[in-house]
Each structure stands twice: as structure tokens, then as C-alpha cells.
Amino acid sequence: MMKYLDLRFDQLMGRYGFILGAIVLVIALAGLLLAWRSDKAPRALIALLTIALALGAVMFGPSAPRVAKAFWRLAFAPPPPSPSGPLRVGEAFVALAPKAQGEATSAPILARIWYPAAPDAKLEASGGAPIDCAALSRARLADPGPQGRFPLLLYAPGFANAGDDNSSTAAMASHGYVVLAINHLDWTPPPGQPQSFFDYSSEAAYQATLRRGAEHSIGEAKVALQALDILTDCAKGDFAKYVAFDRVGFFGFSFGGSVAANAAILDPRVVAAVNLDGWVFGPALEGGIAKPYMMLFDDEPLPDAKAFASPDPATRAYAKAQDDLVREHGRLFESPDKYGFWFRNAVHANFNDRAFGRDNWLSWFFADPSRVKAIREDYLLAFFDAYLRHRPQTLLNADPSPYIGVTPVKGRPRWAEGEERVPFLAWIGLR
């Protein structure tokens, strides 16, 4: 909570201005009602209350639909919106078994696959036991048309999450992509080691976290790439005919963002990667990202001088972690084919389906989860269409963004220093 108390005035107004507007609106309205009932209210007071009423309405008005929708969500808790694309989406839970090597074989990789389904194809239920690759190959895909083959995307979920933690996977399939997602790899703390994977309690703990993060994200990237190998070898039918396995994209949420970035460094088949608000570790944090790359950021306050000088070692280490991430990405975004977008008032959960759970109800009053989901998917689609389908895109370079509350980071080096100002119009929800 303290990090929010340290925000500048413009940052506080950009985040909480609509609340102040609502308070001013209620007070002014109550004052005017009392003045109306009294025949002794000074005209100057009535004029002042009228101005306050107008000011409160201006500050709160643009946010009123979002606030009303937040209360509606709180009452009914609707699921994430259905996929936005024109194609039907099939889903399969698949066990991708490696080829036998002598007497020893490793365990199958459990994966989820979303694909554009033929209009008359029978869609099987995705629950229950996983199917094998032969059964998957009997699925009928939509006709890809003149492009010839559907591009393939890999997806890595957040830490300790399953591969179905983000309905953006199905959304991308509805726009003509095949999406392959693996679960996050289990992690068991070694004997005598900290029980928490992410430990920022000291500088030494932070350095150990960096080592764990690098090892684990590279290991998970290799599992995802192995799943791609197996699917490439075993695919038959429409999957062999209509899916491009040689040039793929990779996107991931949270820890999965590091998995995606490191996979792009490890394998030439991964030609573009997207990080949905995740830390990065290993080569991805050390200047290794050379391919097209995009990161979408939430609105967590960036570290300031007070955080670096804090007497609390955990505060200093966490500030160092944030600073390492932001500075590396600030450097990246000034190079070609690298993009960053800051989503004002969004929280980390807005970049997967956790945002729709009631445990995140408070965030609904600041950012509509359905709107954030639609915007992030528009950026995902524009990015992968540009680098997998070679379709010209204007959204990636649009500045200002056509979406209120989204700020491109490219060309804003002060953002990397935590000094980017919040525009006045953002105080009333108009930019």
C-alpha cells in the first residue's frame, strides 16, 4: 500500500480522480438539495455548489459506465467474453508422447490445443482424459484459404498455472491461429532452501531468485519446444496439411513471459515473442532478445529513489528487480521490432483470466477486465499478424494509441526512469 501513497499528484489523480469526482458530485448535489429547501442560501454558495457539481460530473462521468459494470460483475460474476474472431474454435487436451528411444521413454507432455475448426466439424468436449496425437489428427480444421497454412503459437501460463489459464488462446484460434499450451512445470524447493521461488528479502535472495528463474524458465521453454517437436512429427490429416510448424510465435503470461522470450532465444523456429506483464530471467534479462518482441505492462508504480534508499532490504531488492526489468526493456524498445505498451490502471491479473474472478473485484472499478482483454488481444493479433503473416499493421506504431488508457513506451525514455507524466485528460478518464 505504501508504494501507492508515494505516487505523484498526477499519478494519484490518474488512478483515483474518478473517486474524487464522485465525492465532489455527491457533496455538491447534497448541498444543492439543502439549498433548494432553504430560502436563505446565499447565491454565491449556490453558484459554488453548481460549479462543484459540474466539476464532479466531468471527473466522474467518463468512469460511470465502468463503475456500473463493476457492480453488475460483482452481482453476477460473468465468465470471460467468448472469442472475438470469425472462426469456430475447437479445443483438445492432448498427451504428446516422445518417440521411444531404446527401452526408456520420458513421460508424455500434457498440452492443450485450440484450433480453427471447420464449420461442420464435430467439436469434442475438452474435459476428461487426454487424447493421443492420432486422435487429434482426426480433428477437421477450417480451410485456411489463400494463406495456405495456419500459423502456430505456443503459450506458457503463469507460475503454478495450467495451460488453460488465459482465454486469449482460444481468441487467437478464432482469428486463424493454432495455439499449443503446456502447463507450468512443477517446482519443488531443494532441501534447506527457501520455500518461496520468488524471494526478494535481500540482495543475495534476489540473486538466487534470478538463478532459479533463469534455470526454470529455460527448462520450461525446452519442454514447450519439445512439445512442438512431437506435434510436428506426429501430426496427420488437417494438422499436417494446414498448420505451419517451421515459423511459430510464442506468448506467455507472467512467468510464462520469460519462458516465451527465452524460447525465442533458444530456437530459430520461434520468430516472435510476447510477454504479458511478466518478469524475465536468464538470457532474456541479459540482452539476448534479438527477435521481434512485445511486452504489455500493468500499472504498478515504478521504483523511486526512496525505494532504493529504504532501510528495509526487501524493499531495496524488489526495487532492484523492477529496475533491472524496466531498464532492459527501455533499452529494447528503442530498437526495431520491439514494442511496449503500458495499460493505465490495469493490474497483473488483467493479462490472464484471473481478472474475471471475484477475488479481483476491486480492480473492476479501475479497469474493465473485458475491455482490457479485448485490447490486449488486438495487440496480440496485430503483432503476430505482422511477424507471422507479414501483414502491415498500424496499431503497433500508433502513438497515441487509439485506446484510451494505453500508452506506447517506445520513444519515451523517461518512462524507463519512472518519470513519465500522467496526462491531465487521464484524470477524468479521457486519455
Protein backbone atom coordinates (compact mmCIF):
# COMPACT_ATOMS: atom_id res chain seq x y z
CA MET A 1 0.00 0.00 0.00
CA MET A 2 2.86 2.39 0.81
CA LYS A 3 4.01 2.39 -2.81
CA TYR A 4 0.67 3.96 -3.79
CA LEU A 5 0.97 6.62 -1.10
CA ASP A 6 4.26 7.73 -2.69
CA LEU A 7 2.69 8.47 -6.08
CA ARG A 8 2.95 11.96 -7.53
CA PHE A 9 -0.20 14.09 -7.62
CA ASP A 10 -0.75 13.46 -11.33
CA GLN A 11 -0.37 9.70 -10.82
CA LEU A 12 -2.83 9.74 -7.91
CA MET A 13 -5.33 11.73 -9.95
CA GLY A 14 -4.93 9.43 -12.96
CA ARG A 15 -5.71 6.44 -10.75
CA TYR A 16 -8.21 7.82 -8.23
CA GLY A 17 -9.50 11.01 -9.85
CA PHE A 18 -12.87 9.46 -10.64
CA ILE A 19 -13.34 8.64 -6.94
CA LEU A 20 -12.65 12.25 -6.00
CA GLY A 21 -15.09 13.28 -8.72
CA ALA A 22 -17.77 11.03 -7.24
CA ILE A 23 -17.20 12.50 -3.76
CA VAL A 24 -17.40 16.08 -5.08
CA LEU A 25 -20.51 15.19 -7.08
CA VAL A 26 -22.32 13.73 -4.04
CA ILE A 27 -21.37 16.63 -1.74
CA ALA A 28 -22.37 19.24 -4.32
CA LEU A 29 -25.66 17.51 -5.05
CA ALA A 30 -26.47 17.21 -1.35
CA GLY A 31 -25.57 20.88 -0.81
CA LEU A 32 -27.80 21.99 -3.68
CA LEU A 33 -30.71 19.94 -2.34
CA LEU A 34 -30.31 21.54 1.08
CA ALA A 35 -30.03 24.98 -0.51
CA TRP A 36 -33.17 24.35 -2.55
CA ARG A 37 -35.09 23.56 0.63
CA SER A 38 -33.83 26.74 2.26
CA ASP A 39 -34.81 30.21 1.13
CA LYS A 40 -31.82 31.75 2.89
CA ALA A 41 -28.96 30.11 1.00
CA PRO A 42 -26.57 32.75 -0.41
CA ARG A 43 -26.44 32.94 -4.16
CA ALA A 44 -22.67 32.73 -4.06
CA LEU A 45 -22.90 29.39 -2.24
CA ILE A 46 -25.40 28.08 -4.78
CA ALA A 47 -23.11 29.18 -7.62
CA LEU A 48 -20.14 27.50 -5.94
CA LEU A 49 -22.07 24.26 -5.45
CA THR A 50 -23.23 24.37 -9.08
CA ILE A 51 -19.62 24.70 -10.25
CA ALA A 52 -18.63 21.84 -7.94
CA LEU A 53 -21.47 19.73 -9.32
CA ALA A 54 -20.28 20.34 -12.87
CA LEU A 55 -16.66 19.62 -11.93
CA GLY A 56 -17.61 16.37 -10.15
CA ALA A 57 -19.69 15.30 -13.16
CA VAL A 58 -16.76 15.95 -15.51
CA MET A 59 -14.34 13.98 -13.32
CA PHE A 60 -16.68 11.05 -12.64
CA GLY A 61 -18.85 10.97 -15.78
CA PRO A 62 -16.48 9.09 -18.15
CA SER A 63 -15.95 6.41 -15.48
CA ALA A 64 -19.65 5.94 -14.63
CA PRO A 65 -20.27 3.11 -17.16
CA ARG A 66 -17.22 1.22 -15.88
CA VAL A 67 -18.30 1.62 -12.25
CA ALA A 68 -21.84 0.48 -13.06
CA LYS A 69 -20.48 -2.55 -14.90
CA ALA A 70 -18.23 -3.36 -11.92
CA PHE A 71 -21.27 -3.56 -9.65
CA TRP A 72 -23.00 -5.74 -12.25
CA ARG A 73 -19.99 -8.08 -12.34
CA LEU A 74 -19.96 -8.24 -8.58
CA ALA A 75 -23.57 -9.41 -8.63
CA PHE A 76 -23.38 -11.93 -11.49
CA ALA A 77 -19.64 -12.79 -11.95
CA PRO A 78 -19.85 -13.45 -15.71
CA PRO A 79 -17.09 -15.51 -17.36
CA PRO A 80 -14.59 -14.04 -19.84
CA PRO A 81 -16.14 -12.99 -23.16
CA SER A 82 -16.31 -15.51 -25.98
CA PRO A 83 -13.60 -15.49 -28.68
CA SER A 84 -13.92 -12.43 -30.86
CA GLY A 85 -12.80 -13.85 -34.20
CA PRO A 86 -14.96 -15.14 -37.06
CA LEU A 87 -13.87 -18.81 -36.87
CA ARG A 88 -15.23 -21.62 -34.73
CA VAL A 89 -12.76 -22.83 -32.13
CA GLY A 90 -12.02 -26.46 -31.36
CA GLU A 91 -10.14 -27.44 -28.22
CA ALA A 92 -8.27 -30.63 -27.42
CA PHE A 93 -6.46 -31.96 -24.35
CA VAL A 94 -3.56 -33.96 -25.76
CA ALA A 95 -0.83 -36.22 -24.42
CA LEU A 96 2.21 -35.67 -26.64
CA ALA A 97 4.35 -38.79 -26.19
CA PRO A 98 8.03 -38.66 -27.22
CA LYS A 99 9.31 -41.31 -29.59
CA ALA A 100 10.69 -44.36 -27.83
CA GLN A 101 14.48 -44.42 -27.51
CA GLY A 102 15.55 -47.98 -26.71
CA GLU A 103 13.89 -49.15 -23.53
CA ALA A 104 13.48 -45.71 -21.95
CA THR A 105 10.86 -43.11 -22.79
CA SER A 106 10.03 -39.90 -20.96
CA ALA A 107 6.50 -39.13 -19.79
CA PRO A 108 4.08 -37.60 -22.30
CA ILE A 109 3.73 -33.81 -22.27
CA LEU A 110 0.17 -32.80 -21.46
CA ALA A 111 -0.88 -29.91 -23.65
CA ARG A 112 -3.98 -28.03 -24.70
CA ILE A 113 -4.54 -27.12 -28.31
CA TRP A 114 -7.00 -24.61 -29.73
CA TYR A 115 -7.59 -24.60 -33.48
CA PRO A 116 -9.85 -23.03 -36.13
CA ALA A 117 -12.47 -25.72 -36.71
CA ALA A 118 -14.31 -26.49 -39.94
CA PRO A 119 -17.87 -25.08 -39.97
CA ASP A 120 -19.44 -28.54 -39.89
CA ALA A 121 -16.80 -30.26 -37.72
CA LYS A 122 -17.96 -32.03 -34.58
CA LEU A 123 -16.31 -30.38 -31.58
CA GLU A 124 -15.42 -32.81 -28.82
CA ALA A 125 -15.63 -31.86 -25.15
CA SER A 126 -12.22 -30.78 -23.87
CA GLY A 127 -12.58 -32.29 -20.40
CA GLY A 128 -11.66 -35.78 -19.28
CA ALA A 129 -8.64 -37.88 -20.17
CA PRO A 130 -6.12 -36.58 -22.73
CA ILE A 131 -6.24 -37.94 -26.24
CA ASP A 132 -3.22 -39.02 -28.27
CA CYS A 133 -1.86 -37.37 -31.37
CA ALA A 134 -3.60 -39.82 -33.69
CA ALA A 135 -6.97 -38.82 -32.28
CA LEU A 136 -6.05 -35.14 -32.57
CA SER A 137 -5.18 -35.58 -36.23
CA ARG A 138 -8.75 -36.67 -36.92
CA ALA A 139 -9.94 -33.18 -36.00
CA ARG A 140 -11.08 -31.16 -39.00
CA LEU A 141 -9.65 -27.69 -39.40
CA ALA A 142 -11.18 -24.79 -41.27
CA ASP A 143 -9.86 -24.09 -44.76
CA PRO A 144 -7.01 -21.55 -44.32
CA GLY A 145 -7.74 -20.07 -47.73
CA PRO A 146 -5.07 -18.30 -49.81
CA GLN A 147 -2.55 -18.20 -46.94
CA GLY A 148 -2.27 -21.98 -47.25
CA ARG A 149 -1.47 -22.81 -43.62
CA PHE A 150 -2.46 -21.56 -40.19
CA PRO A 151 0.39 -20.09 -38.12
CA LEU A 152 1.15 -21.86 -34.85
CA LEU A 153 1.51 -20.10 -31.49
CA LEU A 154 2.95 -21.55 -28.30
CA TYR A 155 1.64 -20.36 -24.94
CA ALA A 156 3.16 -20.55 -21.44
CA PRO A 157 0.94 -19.80 -18.41
CA GLY A 158 1.74 -18.04 -15.17
CA PHE A 159 3.69 -19.63 -12.33
CA ALA A 160 1.91 -22.75 -10.98
CA ASN A 161 -0.89 -22.30 -13.55
CA ALA A 162 -2.31 -24.71 -16.10
CA GLY A 163 -2.14 -24.01 -19.82
CA ASP A 164 -5.81 -23.00 -19.92
CA ASP A 165 -5.41 -20.00 -17.59
CA ASN A 166 -5.90 -17.49 -20.41
CA SER A 167 -8.81 -17.42 -22.85
CA SER A 168 -6.72 -15.29 -25.21
CA THR A 169 -5.51 -18.68 -26.51
CA ALA A 170 -8.98 -19.51 -27.82
CA ALA A 171 -9.39 -15.94 -29.06
CA MET A 172 -6.27 -16.24 -31.22
CA ALA A 173 -7.58 -19.53 -32.62
CA SER A 174 -10.78 -17.74 -33.62
CA HIS A 175 -8.62 -15.43 -35.73
CA GLY A 176 -6.90 -18.25 -37.61
CA TYR A 177 -4.06 -19.43 -35.36
CA VAL A 178 -3.41 -22.85 -33.90
CA VAL A 179 -2.35 -22.46 -30.25
CA LEU A 180 -0.38 -25.06 -28.27
CA ALA A 181 -0.15 -24.52 -24.49
CA ILE A 182 1.72 -26.53 -21.87
CA ASN A 183 1.26 -26.38 -18.10
CA HIS A 184 3.77 -24.65 -15.89
CA LEU A 185 6.46 -27.06 -14.72
CA ASP A 186 6.22 -28.10 -11.08
CA TRP A 187 8.88 -26.69 -8.81
CA THR A 188 9.91 -28.25 -5.51
CA PRO A 189 12.26 -26.30 -3.25
CA PRO A 190 15.55 -28.13 -2.64
CA PRO A 191 16.18 -29.30 0.93
CA GLY A 192 17.36 -26.49 3.12
CA GLN A 193 16.49 -23.82 0.52
CA PRO A 194 13.82 -21.07 0.76
CA GLN A 195 10.29 -22.34 0.23
CA SER A 196 9.35 -19.38 -1.97
CA PHE A 197 10.51 -19.34 -5.59
CA PHE A 198 10.43 -15.54 -5.74
CA ASP A 199 12.42 -14.23 -2.79
CA TYR A 200 13.31 -10.53 -2.62
CA SER A 201 14.11 -10.42 1.09
CA SER A 202 17.72 -9.37 0.43
CA GLU A 203 20.16 -8.75 -2.41
CA ALA A 204 21.50 -12.31 -2.02
CA ALA A 205 17.97 -13.71 -2.12
CA TYR A 206 17.27 -11.68 -5.26
CA GLN A 207 20.37 -13.05 -6.97
CA ALA A 208 19.27 -16.59 -6.05
CA THR A 209 15.82 -15.83 -7.48
CA LEU A 210 17.45 -14.73 -10.74
CA ARG A 211 19.34 -18.02 -10.92
CA ARG A 212 16.22 -20.07 -10.19
CA GLY A 213 14.18 -18.04 -12.66
CA ALA A 214 16.74 -18.48 -15.43
CA GLU A 215 17.04 -22.24 -14.89
CA HIS A 216 13.31 -22.83 -14.59
CA SER A 217 12.18 -20.61 -17.47
CA ILE A 218 14.78 -22.12 -19.82
CA GLY A 219 13.73 -25.61 -18.71
CA GLU A 220 10.07 -24.83 -19.38
CA ALA A 221 10.94 -23.30 -22.75
CA LYS A 222 12.71 -26.53 -23.69
CA VAL A 223 9.63 -28.56 -22.72
CA ALA A 224 7.42 -26.32 -24.89
CA LEU A 225 9.85 -26.71 -27.78
CA GLN A 226 9.87 -30.48 -27.26
CA ALA A 227 6.07 -30.43 -27.42
CA LEU A 228 6.40 -28.58 -30.72
CA ASP A 229 8.82 -31.26 -31.98
CA ILE A 230 6.45 -34.07 -31.03
CA LEU A 231 3.41 -32.40 -32.57
CA THR A 232 5.38 -31.69 -35.74
CA ASP A 233 6.38 -35.36 -36.05
CA CYS A 234 3.04 -36.93 -35.18
CA ALA A 235 0.62 -34.54 -36.90
CA LYS A 236 -1.54 -36.14 -39.56
CA GLY A 237 -4.63 -35.14 -41.51
CA ASP A 238 -5.58 -31.47 -41.46
CA PHE A 239 -2.97 -30.70 -38.81
CA ALA A 240 -0.20 -31.83 -41.15
CA LYS A 241 -1.82 -30.19 -44.16
CA TYR A 242 -2.92 -26.84 -42.73
CA VAL A 243 -0.52 -25.96 -39.87
CA ALA A 244 2.86 -24.23 -40.26
CA PHE A 245 5.32 -25.75 -37.79
CA ASP A 246 8.51 -24.13 -39.07
CA ARG A 247 7.83 -20.48 -38.08
CA VAL A 248 5.95 -20.03 -34.83
CA GLY A 249 5.16 -17.34 -32.30
CA PHE A 250 5.27 -17.66 -28.52
CA PHE A 251 3.39 -15.69 -25.88
CA GLY A 252 3.21 -16.10 -22.14
CA PHE A 253 1.63 -14.58 -19.06
CA SER A 254 3.67 -13.55 -16.01
CA PHE A 255 6.46 -16.14 -15.55
CA GLY A 256 5.38 -17.53 -18.92
CA GLY A 257 6.54 -14.28 -20.50
CA SER A 258 10.12 -15.21 -19.59
CA VAL A 259 9.53 -18.69 -21.00
CA ALA A 260 8.37 -17.18 -24.30
CA ALA A 261 11.29 -14.75 -24.50
CA ASN A 262 13.91 -17.41 -23.73
CA ALA A 263 12.33 -19.84 -26.23
CA ALA A 264 12.79 -17.19 -28.94
CA ILE A 265 16.47 -17.03 -27.99
CA LEU A 266 16.87 -20.82 -27.93
CA ASP A 267 15.13 -21.89 -31.14
CA PRO A 268 15.17 -20.38 -34.66
CA ARG A 269 11.61 -21.62 -35.28
CA VAL A 270 10.29 -19.10 -32.71
CA VAL A 271 10.37 -15.91 -34.76
CA ALA A 272 8.45 -13.57 -32.42
CA ALA A 273 7.55 -13.46 -28.72
CA VAL A 274 5.09 -11.59 -26.49
CA ASN A 275 5.42 -11.08 -22.75
CA LEU A 276 2.13 -10.42 -20.94
CA ASP A 277 3.29 -8.47 -17.89
CA GLY A 278 5.95 -10.91 -16.73
CA TRP A 279 9.39 -10.81 -15.16
CA VAL A 280 12.19 -12.10 -17.38
CA PHE A 281 15.18 -14.16 -16.35
CA GLY A 282 18.39 -15.53 -17.82
CA PRO A 283 19.31 -14.57 -21.41
CA ALA A 284 16.07 -12.58 -21.80
CA LEU A 285 17.19 -10.25 -18.98
CA GLU A 286 20.77 -10.08 -20.19
CA GLY A 287 20.28 -8.52 -23.61
CA GLY A 288 19.61 -11.75 -25.51
CA ILE A 289 16.29 -10.82 -27.14
CA ALA A 290 17.10 -10.05 -30.77
CA LYS A 291 13.83 -11.10 -32.45
CA PRO A 292 10.55 -9.19 -32.69
CA TYR A 293 9.26 -8.81 -29.15
CA MET A 294 6.34 -7.09 -27.41
CA MET A 295 5.57 -6.56 -23.75
CA LEU A 296 2.30 -5.37 -22.21
CA PHE A 297 2.69 -3.76 -18.76
CA ASP A 298 0.31 -3.26 -15.88
CA ASP A 299 0.23 -0.03 -13.88
CA GLU A 300 2.34 -1.00 -10.88
CA PRO A 301 4.28 2.07 -9.69
CA LEU A 302 7.92 2.04 -10.71
CA PRO A 303 10.66 2.26 -8.04
CA ASP A 304 11.90 5.67 -6.94
CA ALA A 305 14.90 6.94 -5.01
CA LYS A 306 13.11 6.37 -1.71
CA ALA A 307 12.73 2.65 -2.50
CA PHE A 308 16.43 2.24 -3.34
CA ALA A 309 17.42 4.03 -0.13
CA SER A 310 14.95 2.15 2.08
CA PRO A 311 16.34 0.64 5.31
CA ASP A 312 14.31 -2.50 4.50
CA PRO A 313 16.48 -4.90 2.42
CA ALA A 314 13.38 -6.49 0.85
CA THR A 315 12.18 -3.10 -0.42
CA ARG A 316 15.63 -2.36 -1.89
CA ALA A 317 15.89 -5.80 -3.55
CA TYR A 318 12.40 -5.59 -5.05
CA ALA A 319 13.17 -2.10 -6.37
CA LYS A 320 16.34 -3.51 -7.94
CA ALA A 321 14.30 -6.29 -9.57
CA GLN A 322 11.84 -3.80 -11.03
CA ASP A 323 14.63 -1.51 -12.17
CA ASP A 324 16.52 -4.34 -13.90
CA LEU A 325 13.36 -5.33 -15.79
CA VAL A 326 12.39 -1.79 -16.77
CA ARG A 327 15.87 -0.69 -17.84
CA GLU A 328 16.44 -3.76 -20.04
CA HIS A 329 13.07 -3.22 -21.69
CA GLY A 330 13.64 0.51 -22.01
CA ARG A 331 16.78 -0.36 -23.98
CA LEU A 332 14.93 -2.95 -26.06
CA PHE A 333 12.07 -0.66 -27.01
CA GLU A 334 14.40 1.78 -28.71
CA SER A 335 15.43 -0.89 -31.24
CA PRO A 336 13.43 -2.02 -34.31
CA ASP A 337 10.66 -4.60 -33.99
CA LYS A 338 10.38 -4.15 -30.21
CA TYR A 339 7.20 -2.79 -28.65
CA GLY A 340 5.98 -1.97 -25.17
CA PHE A 341 2.55 -0.76 -24.06
CA TRP A 342 1.56 0.48 -20.63
CA PHE A 343 -2.07 -0.20 -19.62
CA ARG A 344 -3.10 2.52 -17.19
CA ASN A 345 -4.92 1.30 -14.05
CA ALA A 346 -4.53 -2.36 -15.10
CA VAL A 347 -3.31 -4.91 -12.56
CA HIS A 348 -1.26 -8.05 -13.18
CA ALA A 349 -4.37 -10.25 -13.24
CA ASN A 350 -5.74 -8.25 -16.21
CA PHE A 351 -3.40 -10.17 -18.52
CA ASN A 352 -4.99 -13.56 -17.91
CA ASP A 353 -8.39 -14.84 -16.77
CA ARG A 354 -7.80 -14.23 -13.06
CA ALA A 355 -9.12 -10.72 -13.68
CA PHE A 356 -12.64 -12.14 -14.01
CA GLY A 357 -12.64 -13.82 -10.59
CA ARG A 358 -14.37 -12.19 -7.65
CA ASP A 359 -11.08 -12.13 -5.73
CA ASN A 360 -10.09 -9.31 -8.12
CA TRP A 361 -13.35 -7.39 -7.74
CA LEU A 362 -11.72 -4.16 -6.58
CA SER A 363 -9.74 -3.87 -9.83
CA TRP A 364 -13.02 -3.82 -11.81
CA PHE A 365 -13.70 -0.26 -10.64
CA PHE A 366 -10.41 0.95 -12.18
CA ALA A 367 -10.20 -1.13 -15.39
CA ASP A 368 -12.97 -3.13 -17.07
CA PRO A 369 -11.48 -6.66 -17.46
CA SER A 370 -13.44 -7.33 -20.66
CA ARG A 371 -12.12 -4.13 -22.22
CA VAL A 372 -8.52 -4.86 -21.20
CA LYS A 373 -8.86 -8.40 -22.59
CA ALA A 374 -10.16 -7.08 -25.93
CA ILE A 375 -7.34 -4.53 -26.19
CA ARG A 376 -4.56 -6.98 -25.29
CA GLU A 377 -5.93 -9.40 -27.90
CA ASP A 378 -5.96 -6.67 -30.54
CA TYR A 379 -2.28 -6.03 -29.81
CA LEU A 380 -1.51 -9.77 -29.82
CA LEU A 381 -3.25 -10.17 -33.17
CA ALA A 382 -1.54 -7.13 -34.69
CA PHE A 383 1.89 -8.30 -33.51
CA PHE A 384 1.63 -11.89 -34.71
CA ASP A 385 -0.12 -10.88 -37.94
CA ALA A 386 2.82 -8.58 -38.64
CA TYR A 387 5.58 -11.13 -37.98
CA LEU A 388 3.96 -14.47 -38.87
CA ARG A 389 1.61 -13.43 -41.64
CA HIS A 390 3.59 -10.40 -42.91
CA ARG A 391 0.51 -8.22 -42.88
CA PRO A 392 1.18 -4.48 -42.46
CA GLN A 393 -0.06 -3.16 -39.11
CA THR A 394 -0.72 0.40 -37.97
CA LEU A 395 -1.67 -0.40 -34.37
CA LEU A 396 1.85 -1.31 -33.26
CA ASN A 397 3.25 2.10 -34.22
CA ALA A 398 0.21 4.25 -33.44
CA ASP A 399 1.14 6.99 -30.98
CA PRO A 400 -1.02 7.95 -29.26
CA SER A 401 -2.73 4.60 -29.07
CA PRO A 402 -6.31 4.53 -30.36
CA TYR A 403 -7.25 3.01 -26.99
CA ILE A 404 -7.83 5.34 -24.06
CA GLY A 405 -5.55 4.36 -21.18
CA VAL A 406 -2.90 2.63 -23.30
CA THR A 407 0.45 4.38 -23.71
CA PRO A 408 3.18 3.20 -26.14
CA VAL A 409 6.53 3.05 -24.35
CA LYS A 410 8.71 3.31 -27.48
CA GLY A 411 10.16 6.80 -27.75
CA ARG A 412 9.54 7.57 -24.06
CA PRO A 413 12.88 7.01 -22.31
CA ARG A 414 11.67 8.89 -19.22
CA TRP A 415 9.19 6.07 -18.71
CA ALA A 416 12.14 3.77 -18.02
CA GLU A 417 13.17 6.16 -15.24
CA GLY A 418 9.70 6.18 -13.72
CA GLU A 419 9.18 9.83 -14.67
CA GLU A 420 6.56 9.68 -17.42
CA ARG A 421 3.81 12.15 -16.53
CA VAL A 422 0.15 11.16 -16.47
CA PRO A 423 -1.75 13.44 -18.91
CA PHE A 424 -4.39 15.76 -17.44
CA LEU A 425 -7.12 14.18 -19.58
CA ALA A 426 -6.37 10.84 -17.90
CA TRP A 427 -7.56 12.35 -14.61
CA ILE A 428 -11.11 12.33 -15.98
CA GLY A 429 -10.81 9.10 -17.96
CA LEU A 430 -10.42 10.68 -21.40
CA ARG A 431 -6.83 9.68 -22.24
